[in-house]
Amino acid sequence: MAELNKDKGILAQEVEMLIVARKIRYLGLVILLGVSIIFVMGLVVSGSNINPSLYYLNVVSLVFCLVLCAFSVPFKKVLMKKVTPENFEAKYFNAYVLPYALCDLGGLICITTSLFVNQNIIFAAAGYLSMTAAVIYNFPRFDDHKKFR
C-alpha cells in the first residue's frame, strides 16, 4: 500500500482524501436527519408520558449526553493522530465515525428518555441541540487532508 501511495500523484491523493471527507460529511448529515426525525416523532407522542417521579432519568440522560458529546472531540483528535498516508482511508473514516457514534448515542438516549419515557421537552431539546452541535463540530475540516502528506 505504501508503494501504491508513492506511485500516486499528489493531486490524485488529494482528490481521494476529499472524496472520503465528502462521504464523512454525508454520513454526519444522515445521522442528524435520523435524530431529527426521532425528535419530531417524540414531540408528537410525548404528551402521554408524564411521570414526575422519573425526573431524575431526564437529568441523568442529559448529563450522559453532554459527557459523550464533549468526549467525542478529544477522542476524534486522538484517532486523527493515528492517521498516516498509508492507512488514510480506513483510519480517517474511523476517526470520524466513532465520534459520530458517541454523539448519536448520547443524543438518542437523552431524546428517548426525555420524550418517550418521561416528557420533558426542555431536556430533550437540550440533548438534541448539544448532539447536533457536537456532530457539526466534528465534521471534517477543509484543510484536514493537508496534514497527512
C-alpha atoms as a PDB file:
ATOM      1  CA  MET A   1       0.000   0.000   0.000  1.00  0.00           C
ATOM      2  CA  ALA A   2       2.888   2.350   0.718  1.00  0.00           C
ATOM      3  CA  GLU A   3       4.236   1.784  -2.796  1.00  0.00           C
ATOM      4  CA  LEU A   4       0.822   2.493  -4.204  1.00  0.00           C
ATOM      5  CA  ASN A   5       0.672   5.819  -2.361  1.00  0.00           C
ATOM      6  CA  LYS A   6       4.158   6.731  -3.587  1.00  0.00           C
ATOM      7  CA  ASP A   7       3.125   5.977  -7.162  1.00  0.00           C
ATOM      8  CA  LYS A   8       0.027   8.135  -6.949  1.00  0.00           C
ATOM      9  CA  GLY A   9       0.404  11.778  -7.739  1.00  0.00           C
ATOM     10  CA  ILE A  10      -0.180  14.392  -5.100  1.00  0.00           C
ATOM     11  CA  LEU A  11      -3.285  15.571  -6.904  1.00  0.00           C
ATOM     12  CA  ALA A  12      -4.747  12.046  -7.008  1.00  0.00           C
ATOM     13  CA  GLN A  13      -4.143  11.595  -3.279  1.00  0.00           C
ATOM     14  CA  GLU A  14      -5.761  14.945  -2.526  1.00  0.00           C
ATOM     15  CA  VAL A  15      -8.833  14.087  -4.607  1.00  0.00           C
ATOM     16  CA  GLU A  16      -9.104  10.727  -2.836  1.00  0.00           C
ATOM     17  CA  MET A  17      -8.923  12.472   0.537  1.00  0.00           C
ATOM     18  CA  LEU A  18     -11.598  14.972  -0.454  1.00  0.00           C
ATOM     19  CA  ILE A  19     -13.920  12.168  -1.598  1.00  0.00           C
ATOM     20  CA  VAL A  20     -13.546  10.417   1.755  1.00  0.00           C
ATOM     21  CA  ALA A  21     -14.213  13.719   3.566  1.00  0.00           C
ATOM     22  CA  ARG A  22     -17.380  14.217   1.499  1.00  0.00           C
ATOM     23  CA  LYS A  23     -18.602  10.722   2.424  1.00  0.00           C
ATOM     24  CA  ILE A  24     -17.992  11.512   6.088  1.00  0.00           C
ATOM     25  CA  ARG A  25     -19.988  14.760   5.818  1.00  0.00           C
ATOM     26  CA  TYR A  26     -22.879  12.883   4.194  1.00  0.00           C
ATOM     27  CA  LEU A  27     -22.795  10.333   6.997  1.00  0.00           C
ATOM     28  CA  GLY A  28     -22.970  13.124   9.578  1.00  0.00           C
ATOM     29  CA  LEU A  29     -25.909  14.740   7.777  1.00  0.00           C
ATOM     30  CA  VAL A  30     -27.769  11.418   7.613  1.00  0.00           C
ATOM     31  CA  ILE A  31     -27.204  10.904  11.338  1.00  0.00           C
ATOM     32  CA  LEU A  32     -28.577  14.392  12.019  1.00  0.00           C
ATOM     33  CA  LEU A  33     -31.594  13.706   9.801  1.00  0.00           C
ATOM     34  CA  GLY A  34     -32.354  10.448  11.604  1.00  0.00           C
ATOM     35  CA  VAL A  35     -32.109  12.007  15.051  1.00  0.00           C
ATOM     36  CA  SER A  36     -34.245  14.948  13.882  1.00  0.00           C
ATOM     37  CA  ILE A  37     -36.976  12.557  12.741  1.00  0.00           C
ATOM     38  CA  ILE A  38     -36.895  10.740  16.081  1.00  0.00           C
ATOM     39  CA  PHE A  39     -37.032  14.079  17.920  1.00  0.00           C
ATOM     40  CA  VAL A  40     -40.076  15.241  15.944  1.00  0.00           C
ATOM     41  CA  MET A  41     -41.840  11.895  16.411  1.00  0.00           C
ATOM     42  CA  GLY A  42     -41.116  12.082  20.129  1.00  0.00           C
ATOM     43  CA  LEU A  43     -42.717  15.527  20.298  1.00  0.00           C
ATOM     44  CA  VAL A  44     -45.861  14.078  18.758  1.00  0.00           C
ATOM     45  CA  VAL A  45     -46.297  11.290  21.334  1.00  0.00           C
ATOM     46  CA  SER A  46     -44.722  12.857  24.415  1.00  0.00           C
ATOM     47  CA  GLY A  47     -47.999  14.134  25.895  1.00  0.00           C
ATOM     48  CA  SER A  48     -48.964  10.707  27.197  1.00  0.00           C
ATOM     49  CA  ASN A  49     -45.670  10.123  29.044  1.00  0.00           C
ATOM     50  CA  ILE A  50     -45.762  12.388  32.076  1.00  0.00           C
ATOM     51  CA  ASN A  51     -44.210  10.773  35.163  1.00  0.00           C
ATOM     52  CA  PRO A  52     -42.938  13.353  37.679  1.00  0.00           C
ATOM     53  CA  SER A  53     -41.310  10.609  39.744  1.00  0.00           C
ATOM     54  CA  LEU A  54     -38.945   9.801  36.833  1.00  0.00           C
ATOM     55  CA  TYR A  55     -37.475  13.298  36.558  1.00  0.00           C
ATOM     56  CA  TYR A  56     -34.072  12.036  37.663  1.00  0.00           C
ATOM     57  CA  LEU A  57     -33.858   9.956  34.455  1.00  0.00           C
ATOM     58  CA  ASN A  58     -34.076  13.133  32.398  1.00  0.00           C
ATOM     59  CA  VAL A  59     -31.230  14.726  34.323  1.00  0.00           C
ATOM     60  CA  VAL A  60     -29.039  11.628  34.123  1.00  0.00           C
ATOM     61  CA  SER A  61     -29.653  11.183  30.403  1.00  0.00           C
ATOM     62  CA  LEU A  62     -28.864  14.837  29.667  1.00  0.00           C
ATOM     63  CA  VAL A  63     -25.620  14.660  31.658  1.00  0.00           C
ATOM     64  CA  PHE A  64     -24.751  11.425  29.848  1.00  0.00           C
ATOM     65  CA  CYS A  65     -25.423  13.108  26.501  1.00  0.00           C
ATOM     66  CA  LEU A  66     -23.283  16.126  27.360  1.00  0.00           C
ATOM     67  CA  VAL A  67     -20.401  13.935  28.564  1.00  0.00           C
ATOM     68  CA  LEU A  68     -20.447  11.751  25.435  1.00  0.00           C
ATOM     69  CA  CYS A  69     -20.686  14.734  23.099  1.00  0.00           C
ATOM     70  CA  ALA A  70     -17.866  16.523  24.895  1.00  0.00           C
ATOM     71  CA  PHE A  71     -15.724  13.373  24.911  1.00  0.00           C
ATOM     72  CA  SER A  72     -16.175  12.926  21.147  1.00  0.00           C
ATOM     73  CA  VAL A  73     -13.963  15.939  20.359  1.00  0.00           C
ATOM     74  CA  PRO A  74     -10.754  14.809  22.131  1.00  0.00           C
ATOM     75  CA  PHE A  75     -11.492  11.230  21.035  1.00  0.00           C
ATOM     76  CA  LYS A  76     -11.509  12.372  17.404  1.00  0.00           C
ATOM     77  CA  LYS A  77      -8.204  14.188  17.911  1.00  0.00           C
ATOM     78  CA  VAL A  78      -6.599  11.059  19.356  1.00  0.00           C
ATOM     79  CA  LEU A  79      -7.855   8.971  16.439  1.00  0.00           C
ATOM     80  CA  MET A  80      -6.685  11.585  13.926  1.00  0.00           C
ATOM     81  CA  LYS A  81      -3.119  11.326  15.272  1.00  0.00           C
ATOM     82  CA  LYS A  82      -3.065   7.688  14.162  1.00  0.00           C
ATOM     83  CA  VAL A  83      -3.848   8.547  10.524  1.00  0.00           C
ATOM     84  CA  THR A  84      -0.970   8.261   8.070  1.00  0.00           C
ATOM     85  CA  PRO A  85      -0.927   8.459   4.257  1.00  0.00           C
ATOM     86  CA  GLU A  86      -0.562   4.659   4.112  1.00  0.00           C
ATOM     87  CA  ASN A  87      -3.683   3.900   6.158  1.00  0.00           C
ATOM     88  CA  PHE A  88      -5.590   7.064   5.297  1.00  0.00           C
ATOM     89  CA  GLU A  89      -8.910   5.699   4.033  1.00  0.00           C
ATOM     90  CA  ALA A  90      -9.630   3.313   6.896  1.00  0.00           C
ATOM     91  CA  LYS A  91      -8.230   5.315   9.810  1.00  0.00           C
ATOM     92  CA  TYR A  92      -9.516   8.700   8.635  1.00  0.00           C
ATOM     93  CA  PHE A  93     -13.044   7.350   8.175  1.00  0.00           C
ATOM     94  CA  ASN A  94     -12.945   5.658  11.602  1.00  0.00           C
ATOM     95  CA  ALA A  95     -11.615   8.841  13.190  1.00  0.00           C
ATOM     96  CA  TYR A  96     -14.951  10.447  12.330  1.00  0.00           C
ATOM     97  CA  VAL A  97     -17.399   7.563  12.524  1.00  0.00           C
ATOM     98  CA  LEU A  98     -16.606   6.659  16.126  1.00  0.00           C
ATOM     99  CA  PRO A  99     -17.070  10.225  17.471  1.00  0.00           C
ATOM    100  CA  TYR A 100     -20.311  10.468  15.444  1.00  0.00           C
ATOM    101  CA  ALA A 101     -21.459   7.258  17.116  1.00  0.00           C
ATOM    102  CA  LEU A 102     -20.736   8.695  20.573  1.00  0.00           C
ATOM    103  CA  CYS A 103     -22.723  11.848  19.792  1.00  0.00           C
ATOM    104  CA  ASP A 104     -25.547   9.806  18.303  1.00  0.00           C
ATOM    105  CA  LEU A 105     -25.702   7.504  21.328  1.00  0.00           C
ATOM    106  CA  GLY A 106     -25.825  10.369  23.803  1.00  0.00           C
ATOM    107  CA  GLY A 107     -28.389  12.328  21.809  1.00  0.00           C
ATOM    108  CA  LEU A 108     -30.679   9.354  21.259  1.00  0.00           C
ATOM    109  CA  ILE A 109     -30.592   8.294  24.897  1.00  0.00           C
ATOM    110  CA  CYS A 110     -31.436  11.822  26.013  1.00  0.00           C
ATOM    111  CA  ILE A 111     -34.204  12.278  23.441  1.00  0.00           C
ATOM    112  CA  THR A 112     -35.826   8.901  24.031  1.00  0.00           C
ATOM    113  CA  THR A 113     -35.669   9.255  27.802  1.00  0.00           C
ATOM    114  CA  SER A 114     -36.955  12.832  27.789  1.00  0.00           C
ATOM    115  CA  LEU A 115     -39.771  12.262  25.288  1.00  0.00           C
ATOM    116  CA  PHE A 116     -40.744   8.582  25.327  1.00  0.00           C
ATOM    117  CA  VAL A 117     -40.169   7.661  28.994  1.00  0.00           C
ATOM    118  CA  ASN A 118     -40.911  10.920  30.801  1.00  0.00           C
ATOM    119  CA  GLN A 119     -41.995  14.065  28.994  1.00  0.00           C
ATOM    120  CA  ASN A 120     -39.567  16.911  29.385  1.00  0.00           C
ATOM    121  CA  ILE A 121     -39.233  18.858  26.168  1.00  0.00           C
ATOM    122  CA  ILE A 122     -36.564  21.186  27.553  1.00  0.00           C
ATOM    123  CA  PHE A 123     -34.185  18.318  28.359  1.00  0.00           C
ATOM    124  CA  ALA A 124     -34.927  16.654  25.020  1.00  0.00           C
ATOM    125  CA  ALA A 125     -34.245  19.885  23.136  1.00  0.00           C
ATOM    126  CA  ALA A 126     -31.022  20.453  25.099  1.00  0.00           C
ATOM    127  CA  GLY A 127     -29.851  16.933  24.257  1.00  0.00           C
ATOM    128  CA  TYR A 128     -30.825  17.357  20.618  1.00  0.00           C
ATOM    129  CA  LEU A 129     -29.051  20.701  20.287  1.00  0.00           C
ATOM    130  CA  SER A 130     -25.887  19.529  22.047  1.00  0.00           C
ATOM    131  CA  MET A 131     -25.760  16.404  19.889  1.00  0.00           C
ATOM    132  CA  THR A 132     -26.301  18.447  16.720  1.00  0.00           C
ATOM    133  CA  ALA A 133     -23.611  20.939  17.716  1.00  0.00           C
ATOM    134  CA  ALA A 134     -21.122  18.155  18.511  1.00  0.00           C
ATOM    135  CA  VAL A 135     -21.726  16.352  15.198  1.00  0.00           C
ATOM    136  CA  ILE A 136     -21.356  19.588  13.232  1.00  0.00           C
ATOM    137  CA  TYR A 137     -18.220  20.481  15.196  1.00  0.00           C
ATOM    138  CA  ASN A 138     -16.784  17.044  14.353  1.00  0.00           C
ATOM    139  CA  PHE A 139     -17.347  17.493  10.594  1.00  0.00           C
ATOM    140  CA  PRO A 140     -14.156  17.189   8.524  1.00  0.00           C
ATOM    141  CA  ARG A 141     -12.407  20.492   8.024  1.00  0.00           C
ATOM    142  CA  PHE A 142     -11.469  21.686   4.555  1.00  0.00           C
ATOM    143  CA  ASP A 143      -7.732  21.525   5.261  1.00  0.00           C
ATOM    144  CA  ASP A 144      -7.642  18.286   7.319  1.00  0.00           C
ATOM    145  CA  HIS A 145      -6.233  16.284   4.443  1.00  0.00           C
ATOM    146  CA  LYS A 146      -3.167  18.536   4.169  1.00  0.00           C
ATOM    147  CA  LYS A 147      -1.875  17.246   7.495  1.00  0.00           C
ATOM    148  CA  PHE A 148      -1.275  13.770   6.080  1.00  0.00           C
ATOM    149  CA  ARG A 149       1.037  14.475   3.173  1.00  0.00           C
END
